[in-house]
Amino acid sequence: MKRFNYQTEFNRHANIVRFGNADDVKINYGVFVGDPNGDNDKNFLGEEFIDSPSFTTWQDAQNAKDFAECVLLVVDEHAKKNNAVSEVTGGEIYRCVEDSVNSLLKYRNHKDFSSMLIAELTCNLNDILTKNNSR
């Protein structure tokens, strides 16, 4: 399954636009994210159309767009690191629980069995999450 990427999604919908025509004394630029006609299928994250304040040069508008992409790249990297839990499969969790219980069944009559089982499950689940976090 392909992971959602904010930077790619932003870049797909963001455009630098020019305000004014060749005869105007003052020409400005802006960053439009989405469709100014209100088509939500063409908007970033399904939200309304977003625009920036105007910039005096095309390069300033491009720099603002690039900065937004850099920020979203950091967001994507952060999400990738923190989504390891969602990448753990049900089978991995089932095997972890099964192995933990089976490894302690011989101690089931011990007065501290429940504490031992909780500790074993915690350690084994932590191993799975750590393994998935390093992928």
N, C-alpha and C. Protein backbone atom coordinates (compact mmCIF):
# COMPACT_ATOMS: atom_id res chain seq x y z
N MET A 1 0.83 -1.17 0.00
CA MET A 1 0.00 0.00 0.00
C MET A 1 0.89 1.25 0.00
N LYS A 2 0.60 2.16 -0.89
CA LYS A 2 1.40 3.37 -1.00
C LYS A 2 1.05 4.34 0.12
N ARG A 3 2.09 4.88 0.74
CA ARG A 3 1.93 5.83 1.84
C ARG A 3 1.55 7.20 1.29
N PHE A 4 0.61 7.88 1.96
CA PHE A 4 0.20 9.23 1.56
C PHE A 4 1.38 10.17 1.79
N ASN A 5 1.59 11.09 0.86
CA ASN A 5 2.72 12.01 0.92
C ASN A 5 2.21 13.44 0.77
N TYR A 6 2.31 14.22 1.85
CA TYR A 6 1.81 15.61 1.82
C TYR A 6 2.57 16.46 0.80
N GLN A 7 3.89 16.28 0.74
CA GLN A 7 4.68 17.10 -0.17
C GLN A 7 4.25 16.86 -1.62
N THR A 8 4.10 15.61 -2.01
CA THR A 8 3.69 15.28 -3.37
C THR A 8 2.30 15.82 -3.67
N GLU A 9 1.39 15.66 -2.69
CA GLU A 9 0.02 16.14 -2.87
C GLU A 9 -0.01 17.67 -3.01
N PHE A 10 0.77 18.37 -2.20
CA PHE A 10 0.85 19.83 -2.30
C PHE A 10 1.40 20.23 -3.66
N ASN A 11 2.49 19.60 -4.07
CA ASN A 11 3.13 19.94 -5.34
C ASN A 11 2.19 19.70 -6.53
N ARG A 12 1.34 18.71 -6.40
CA ARG A 12 0.38 18.39 -7.48
C ARG A 12 -0.66 19.50 -7.64
N HIS A 13 -0.96 20.22 -6.57
CA HIS A 13 -2.04 21.22 -6.61
C HIS A 13 -1.55 22.67 -6.57
N ALA A 14 -0.28 22.91 -6.27
CA ALA A 14 0.22 24.27 -6.10
C ALA A 14 0.77 24.82 -7.41
N ASN A 15 0.42 26.05 -7.70
CA ASN A 15 0.90 26.74 -8.91
C ASN A 15 1.24 28.18 -8.58
N ILE A 16 2.22 28.70 -9.27
CA ILE A 16 2.54 30.12 -9.16
C ILE A 16 1.75 30.83 -10.27
N VAL A 17 1.06 31.88 -9.89
CA VAL A 17 0.22 32.61 -10.85
C VAL A 17 0.66 34.06 -10.92
N ARG A 18 0.38 34.64 -12.04
CA ARG A 18 0.73 36.05 -12.28
C ARG A 18 -0.53 36.89 -12.25
N PHE A 19 -0.49 37.99 -11.50
CA PHE A 19 -1.62 38.92 -11.44
C PHE A 19 -1.28 40.11 -12.34
N GLY A 20 -2.15 40.41 -13.25
CA GLY A 20 -1.93 41.54 -14.15
C GLY A 20 -1.50 41.06 -15.52
N ASN A 21 -1.46 42.01 -16.47
CA ASN A 21 -1.03 41.66 -17.82
C ASN A 21 0.16 42.53 -18.22
N ALA A 22 0.66 42.34 -19.41
CA ALA A 22 1.88 43.01 -19.86
C ALA A 22 1.76 44.53 -19.83
N ASP A 23 0.56 45.08 -19.95
CA ASP A 23 0.38 46.53 -19.96
C ASP A 23 0.29 47.14 -18.57
N ASP A 24 0.15 46.33 -17.55
CA ASP A 24 0.02 46.85 -16.19
C ASP A 24 1.36 47.37 -15.69
N VAL A 25 1.30 48.45 -14.93
CA VAL A 25 2.52 49.01 -14.33
C VAL A 25 3.04 48.09 -13.23
N LYS A 26 2.12 47.53 -12.47
CA LYS A 26 2.51 46.67 -11.36
C LYS A 26 2.02 45.25 -11.62
N ILE A 27 2.95 44.32 -11.61
CA ILE A 27 2.62 42.90 -11.79
C ILE A 27 3.03 42.18 -10.51
N ASN A 28 2.14 41.37 -9.97
CA ASN A 28 2.42 40.58 -8.78
C ASN A 28 2.25 39.11 -9.08
N TYR A 29 2.74 38.29 -8.17
CA TYR A 29 2.65 36.84 -8.30
C TYR A 29 2.10 36.26 -7.01
N GLY A 30 1.49 35.12 -7.12
CA GLY A 30 0.95 34.46 -5.95
C GLY A 30 1.06 32.96 -6.09
N VAL A 31 0.77 32.27 -5.01
CA VAL A 31 0.75 30.80 -5.02
C VAL A 31 -0.70 30.38 -4.82
N PHE A 32 -1.24 29.66 -5.78
CA PHE A 32 -2.58 29.11 -5.69
C PHE A 32 -2.45 27.62 -5.41
N VAL A 33 -3.19 27.15 -4.44
CA VAL A 33 -3.20 25.72 -4.13
C VAL A 33 -4.63 25.24 -4.34
N GLY A 34 -4.81 24.52 -5.43
CA GLY A 34 -6.14 24.02 -5.78
C GLY A 34 -6.73 24.78 -6.94
N ASP A 35 -7.99 24.56 -7.14
CA ASP A 35 -8.72 25.13 -8.25
C ASP A 35 -9.52 26.34 -7.79
N PRO A 36 -9.22 27.53 -8.34
CA PRO A 36 -9.96 28.72 -7.90
C PRO A 36 -11.45 28.65 -8.25
N ASN A 37 -11.83 27.72 -9.11
CA ASN A 37 -13.24 27.56 -9.47
C ASN A 37 -13.99 26.68 -8.48
N GLY A 38 -13.30 26.23 -7.45
CA GLY A 38 -13.96 25.50 -6.37
C GLY A 38 -14.16 24.01 -6.58
N ASP A 39 -13.44 23.40 -7.52
CA ASP A 39 -13.55 21.96 -7.74
C ASP A 39 -12.73 21.24 -6.68
N ASN A 40 -13.40 20.66 -5.67
CA ASN A 40 -12.69 20.03 -4.55
C ASN A 40 -11.84 18.84 -4.97
N ASP A 41 -12.16 18.21 -6.12
CA ASP A 41 -11.32 17.11 -6.58
C ASP A 41 -9.94 17.60 -7.00
N LYS A 42 -9.83 18.88 -7.25
CA LYS A 42 -8.56 19.46 -7.69
C LYS A 42 -7.90 20.29 -6.60
N ASN A 43 -8.34 20.14 -5.36
CA ASN A 43 -7.81 20.93 -4.26
C ASN A 43 -6.97 20.08 -3.33
N PHE A 44 -6.05 20.72 -2.64
CA PHE A 44 -5.15 20.07 -1.70
C PHE A 44 -5.92 19.52 -0.51
N LEU A 45 -5.85 18.23 -0.29
CA LEU A 45 -6.51 17.53 0.82
C LEU A 45 -8.02 17.70 0.81
N GLY A 46 -8.60 17.98 -0.35
CA GLY A 46 -10.04 18.13 -0.45
C GLY A 46 -10.57 19.40 0.18
N GLU A 47 -9.67 20.29 0.57
CA GLU A 47 -10.08 21.55 1.21
C GLU A 47 -10.44 22.57 0.14
N GLU A 48 -10.91 23.70 0.62
CA GLU A 48 -11.21 24.80 -0.29
C GLU A 48 -9.92 25.30 -0.93
N PHE A 49 -10.08 26.08 -1.95
CA PHE A 49 -8.96 26.71 -2.64
C PHE A 49 -8.19 27.61 -1.66
N ILE A 50 -6.86 27.54 -1.71
CA ILE A 50 -6.00 28.32 -0.82
C ILE A 50 -5.13 29.22 -1.69
N ASP A 51 -4.99 30.48 -1.32
CA ASP A 51 -4.07 31.35 -2.05
C ASP A 51 -3.21 32.13 -1.07
N SER A 52 -2.08 32.60 -1.58
CA SER A 52 -1.15 33.35 -0.74
C SER A 52 -1.34 34.84 -0.98
N PRO A 53 -0.80 35.65 -0.08
CA PRO A 53 -0.74 37.09 -0.40
C PRO A 53 0.16 37.25 -1.63
N SER A 54 0.06 38.35 -2.31
CA SER A 54 0.86 38.50 -3.53
C SER A 54 2.31 38.83 -3.22
N PHE A 55 3.18 38.45 -4.15
CA PHE A 55 4.61 38.71 -4.08
C PHE A 55 4.98 39.63 -5.24
N THR A 56 6.04 40.39 -5.06
CA THR A 56 6.41 41.34 -6.12
C THR A 56 7.20 40.68 -7.24
N THR A 57 7.82 39.52 -6.97
CA THR A 57 8.56 38.84 -8.03
C THR A 57 8.13 37.38 -8.11
N TRP A 58 8.35 36.81 -9.28
CA TRP A 58 8.06 35.39 -9.47
C TRP A 58 8.94 34.56 -8.53
N GLN A 59 10.20 34.96 -8.39
CA GLN A 59 11.13 34.21 -7.55
C GLN A 59 10.68 34.17 -6.09
N ASP A 60 10.13 35.28 -5.59
CA ASP A 60 9.63 35.29 -4.21
C ASP A 60 8.47 34.30 -4.05
N ALA A 61 7.59 34.26 -5.04
CA ALA A 61 6.48 33.30 -4.99
C ALA A 61 7.00 31.87 -5.05
N GLN A 62 7.99 31.65 -5.90
CA GLN A 62 8.60 30.30 -6.01
C GLN A 62 9.26 29.92 -4.70
N ASN A 63 9.95 30.87 -4.06
CA ASN A 63 10.59 30.59 -2.77
C ASN A 63 9.56 30.22 -1.71
N ALA A 64 8.42 30.89 -1.70
CA ALA A 64 7.36 30.58 -0.74
C ALA A 64 6.82 29.17 -0.99
N LYS A 65 6.60 28.83 -2.26
CA LYS A 65 6.12 27.49 -2.62
C LYS A 65 7.15 26.43 -2.21
N ASP A 66 8.42 26.69 -2.51
CA ASP A 66 9.48 25.75 -2.13
C ASP A 66 9.57 25.56 -0.62
N PHE A 67 9.40 26.65 0.12
CA PHE A 67 9.44 26.56 1.57
C PHE A 67 8.30 25.68 2.09
N ALA A 68 7.10 25.87 1.54
CA ALA A 68 5.97 25.04 1.96
C ALA A 68 6.25 23.57 1.67
N GLU A 69 6.87 23.28 0.52
CA GLU A 69 7.21 21.90 0.18
C GLU A 69 8.24 21.33 1.16
N CYS A 70 9.23 22.15 1.56
CA CYS A 70 10.24 21.69 2.53
C CYS A 70 9.59 21.35 3.87
N VAL A 71 8.67 22.19 4.30
CA VAL A 71 7.98 21.93 5.56
C VAL A 71 7.18 20.63 5.46
N LEU A 72 6.49 20.44 4.34
CA LEU A 72 5.68 19.22 4.17
C LEU A 72 6.56 17.98 4.05
N LEU A 73 7.76 18.11 3.52
CA LEU A 73 8.68 16.99 3.48
C LEU A 73 9.05 16.55 4.90
N VAL A 74 9.29 17.52 5.78
CA VAL A 74 9.59 17.20 7.18
C VAL A 74 8.38 16.52 7.83
N VAL A 75 7.18 17.01 7.53
CA VAL A 75 5.96 16.40 8.05
C VAL A 75 5.87 14.95 7.58
N ASP A 76 6.15 14.71 6.29
CA ASP A 76 6.10 13.35 5.75
C ASP A 76 7.11 12.43 6.42
N GLU A 77 8.34 12.93 6.63
CA GLU A 77 9.36 12.12 7.30
C GLU A 77 8.97 11.81 8.74
N HIS A 78 8.41 12.80 9.41
CA HIS A 78 7.95 12.60 10.79
C HIS A 78 6.82 11.56 10.84
N ALA A 79 5.89 11.66 9.91
CA ALA A 79 4.77 10.71 9.86
C ALA A 79 5.28 9.30 9.57
N LYS A 80 6.25 9.20 8.69
CA LYS A 80 6.81 7.88 8.35
C LYS A 80 7.41 7.22 9.59
N LYS A 81 8.12 7.99 10.40
CA LYS A 81 8.74 7.44 11.62
C LYS A 81 7.69 7.04 12.65
N ASN A 82 6.60 7.77 12.71
CA ASN A 82 5.60 7.55 13.76
C ASN A 82 4.45 6.65 13.34
N ASN A 83 4.46 6.16 12.11
CA ASN A 83 3.39 5.29 11.66
C ASN A 83 3.77 3.83 11.68
N ALA A 84 4.85 3.50 12.35
CA ALA A 84 5.28 2.10 12.40
C ALA A 84 4.22 1.20 12.99
N VAL A 85 3.46 1.70 13.97
CA VAL A 85 2.43 0.88 14.60
C VAL A 85 1.41 0.44 13.56
N SER A 86 1.04 1.31 12.64
CA SER A 86 0.04 0.96 11.64
C SER A 86 0.58 -0.05 10.63
N GLU A 87 1.91 -0.20 10.57
CA GLU A 87 2.49 -1.16 9.63
C GLU A 87 2.63 -2.55 10.23
N VAL A 88 2.41 -2.70 11.51
CA VAL A 88 2.46 -4.01 12.15
C VAL A 88 1.22 -4.77 11.72
N THR A 89 1.41 -5.97 11.23
CA THR A 89 0.27 -6.75 10.76
C THR A 89 -0.41 -7.47 11.91
N GLY A 90 -1.64 -7.81 11.69
CA GLY A 90 -2.38 -8.58 12.69
C GLY A 90 -1.71 -9.90 12.97
N GLY A 91 -1.13 -10.50 11.93
CA GLY A 91 -0.44 -11.78 12.10
C GLY A 91 0.76 -11.67 13.03
N GLU A 92 1.49 -10.56 12.92
CA GLU A 92 2.64 -10.34 13.80
C GLU A 92 2.20 -10.23 15.26
N ILE A 93 1.12 -9.50 15.47
CA ILE A 93 0.62 -9.33 16.84
C ILE A 93 0.10 -10.66 17.37
N TYR A 94 -0.64 -11.40 16.55
CA TYR A 94 -1.16 -12.70 16.97
C TYR A 94 -0.01 -13.64 17.36
N ARG A 95 1.02 -13.71 16.51
CA ARG A 95 2.15 -14.59 16.81
C ARG A 95 2.87 -14.13 18.08
N CYS A 96 2.97 -12.83 18.27
CA CYS A 96 3.62 -12.30 19.48
C CYS A 96 2.86 -12.75 20.73
N VAL A 97 1.57 -12.58 20.72
CA VAL A 97 0.75 -12.97 21.88
C VAL A 97 0.83 -14.48 22.09
N GLU A 98 0.68 -15.24 20.99
CA GLU A 98 0.73 -16.70 21.08
C GLU A 98 2.07 -17.16 21.65
N ASP A 99 3.18 -16.63 21.14
CA ASP A 99 4.50 -17.02 21.62
C ASP A 99 4.71 -16.64 23.08
N SER A 100 4.22 -15.46 23.45
CA SER A 100 4.36 -15.02 24.84
C SER A 100 3.61 -15.93 25.80
N VAL A 101 2.37 -16.22 25.45
CA VAL A 101 1.56 -17.10 26.31
C VAL A 101 2.17 -18.48 26.38
N ASN A 102 2.54 -19.05 25.23
CA ASN A 102 3.10 -20.40 25.21
C ASN A 102 4.40 -20.50 26.00
N SER A 103 5.21 -19.43 25.96
CA SER A 103 6.49 -19.48 26.68
C SER A 103 6.31 -19.49 28.19
N LEU A 104 5.13 -19.05 28.66
CA LEU A 104 4.91 -18.96 30.11
C LEU A 104 3.87 -19.94 30.64
N LEU A 105 3.29 -20.75 29.77
CA LEU A 105 2.25 -21.67 30.24
C LEU A 105 2.71 -22.59 31.37
N LYS A 106 3.96 -22.97 31.35
CA LYS A 106 4.45 -23.86 32.41
C LYS A 106 4.44 -23.17 33.78
N TYR A 107 4.32 -21.84 33.80
CA TYR A 107 4.27 -21.09 35.05
C TYR A 107 2.86 -20.63 35.41
N ARG A 108 1.85 -21.19 34.76
CA ARG A 108 0.48 -20.69 34.93
C ARG A 108 -0.05 -20.81 36.36
N ASN A 109 0.50 -21.68 37.15
CA ASN A 109 0.05 -21.82 38.54
C ASN A 109 0.88 -20.97 39.50
N HIS A 110 1.84 -20.28 38.99
CA HIS A 110 2.68 -19.42 39.83
C HIS A 110 1.86 -18.22 40.28
N LYS A 111 2.07 -17.77 41.51
CA LYS A 111 1.26 -16.67 42.05
C LYS A 111 1.45 -15.37 41.28
N ASP A 112 2.57 -15.20 40.60
CA ASP A 112 2.84 -13.98 39.84
C ASP A 112 2.68 -14.17 38.33
N PHE A 113 1.91 -15.20 37.96
CA PHE A 113 1.77 -15.51 36.52
C PHE A 113 1.27 -14.32 35.71
N SER A 114 0.25 -13.62 36.20
CA SER A 114 -0.30 -12.50 35.41
C SER A 114 0.74 -11.40 35.21
N SER A 115 1.51 -11.10 36.21
CA SER A 115 2.57 -10.08 36.07
C SER A 115 3.65 -10.54 35.10
N MET A 116 4.00 -11.81 35.19
CA MET A 116 5.01 -12.37 34.28
C MET A 116 4.51 -12.30 32.83
N LEU A 117 3.24 -12.62 32.63
CA LEU A 117 2.67 -12.61 31.28
C LEU A 117 2.61 -11.18 30.72
N ILE A 118 2.21 -10.24 31.56
CA ILE A 118 2.17 -8.84 31.12
C ILE A 118 3.56 -8.36 30.74
N ALA A 119 4.56 -8.69 31.54
CA ALA A 119 5.93 -8.28 31.24
C ALA A 119 6.42 -8.91 29.94
N GLU A 120 6.13 -10.17 29.76
CA GLU A 120 6.55 -10.88 28.53
C GLU A 120 5.88 -10.29 27.30
N LEU A 121 4.57 -10.03 27.39
CA LEU A 121 3.85 -9.42 26.27
C LEU A 121 4.40 -8.03 25.95
N THR A 122 4.65 -7.26 26.99
CA THR A 122 5.17 -5.90 26.79
C THR A 122 6.52 -5.94 26.09
N CYS A 123 7.41 -6.79 26.53
CA CYS A 123 8.74 -6.90 25.91
C CYS A 123 8.63 -7.35 24.46
N ASN A 124 7.81 -8.37 24.20
CA ASN A 124 7.70 -8.90 22.84
C ASN A 124 7.01 -7.92 21.89
N LEU A 125 5.98 -7.23 22.36
CA LEU A 125 5.33 -6.22 21.51
C LEU A 125 6.28 -5.05 21.25
N ASN A 126 7.05 -4.68 22.25
CA ASN A 126 8.04 -3.62 22.07
C ASN A 126 9.06 -4.00 21.00
N ASP A 127 9.48 -5.28 21.00
CA ASP A 127 10.41 -5.76 19.98
C ASP A 127 9.82 -5.61 18.58
N ILE A 128 8.54 -5.95 18.43
CA ILE A 128 7.88 -5.83 17.12
C ILE A 128 7.83 -4.37 16.68
N LEU A 129 7.44 -3.49 17.57
CA LEU A 129 7.33 -2.08 17.22
C LEU A 129 8.69 -1.47 16.90
N THR A 130 9.71 -1.85 17.66
CA THR A 130 11.05 -1.35 17.40
C THR A 130 11.54 -1.84 16.04
N LYS A 131 11.28 -3.08 15.73
CA LYS A 131 11.68 -3.65 14.44
C LYS A 131 10.99 -2.89 13.30
N ASN A 132 9.70 -2.63 13.44
CA ASN A 132 8.95 -1.93 12.39
C ASN A 132 9.35 -0.47 12.29
N ASN A 133 9.76 0.13 13.39
CA ASN A 133 10.18 1.53 13.40
C ASN A 133 11.48 1.73 12.64
N SER A 134 12.31 0.68 12.61
CA SER A 134 13.62 0.80 11.95
C SER A 134 13.56 0.43 10.47
N ARG A 135 12.39 0.09 9.96
CA ARG A 135 12.27 -0.27 8.53
C ARG A 135 12.43 0.93 7.66
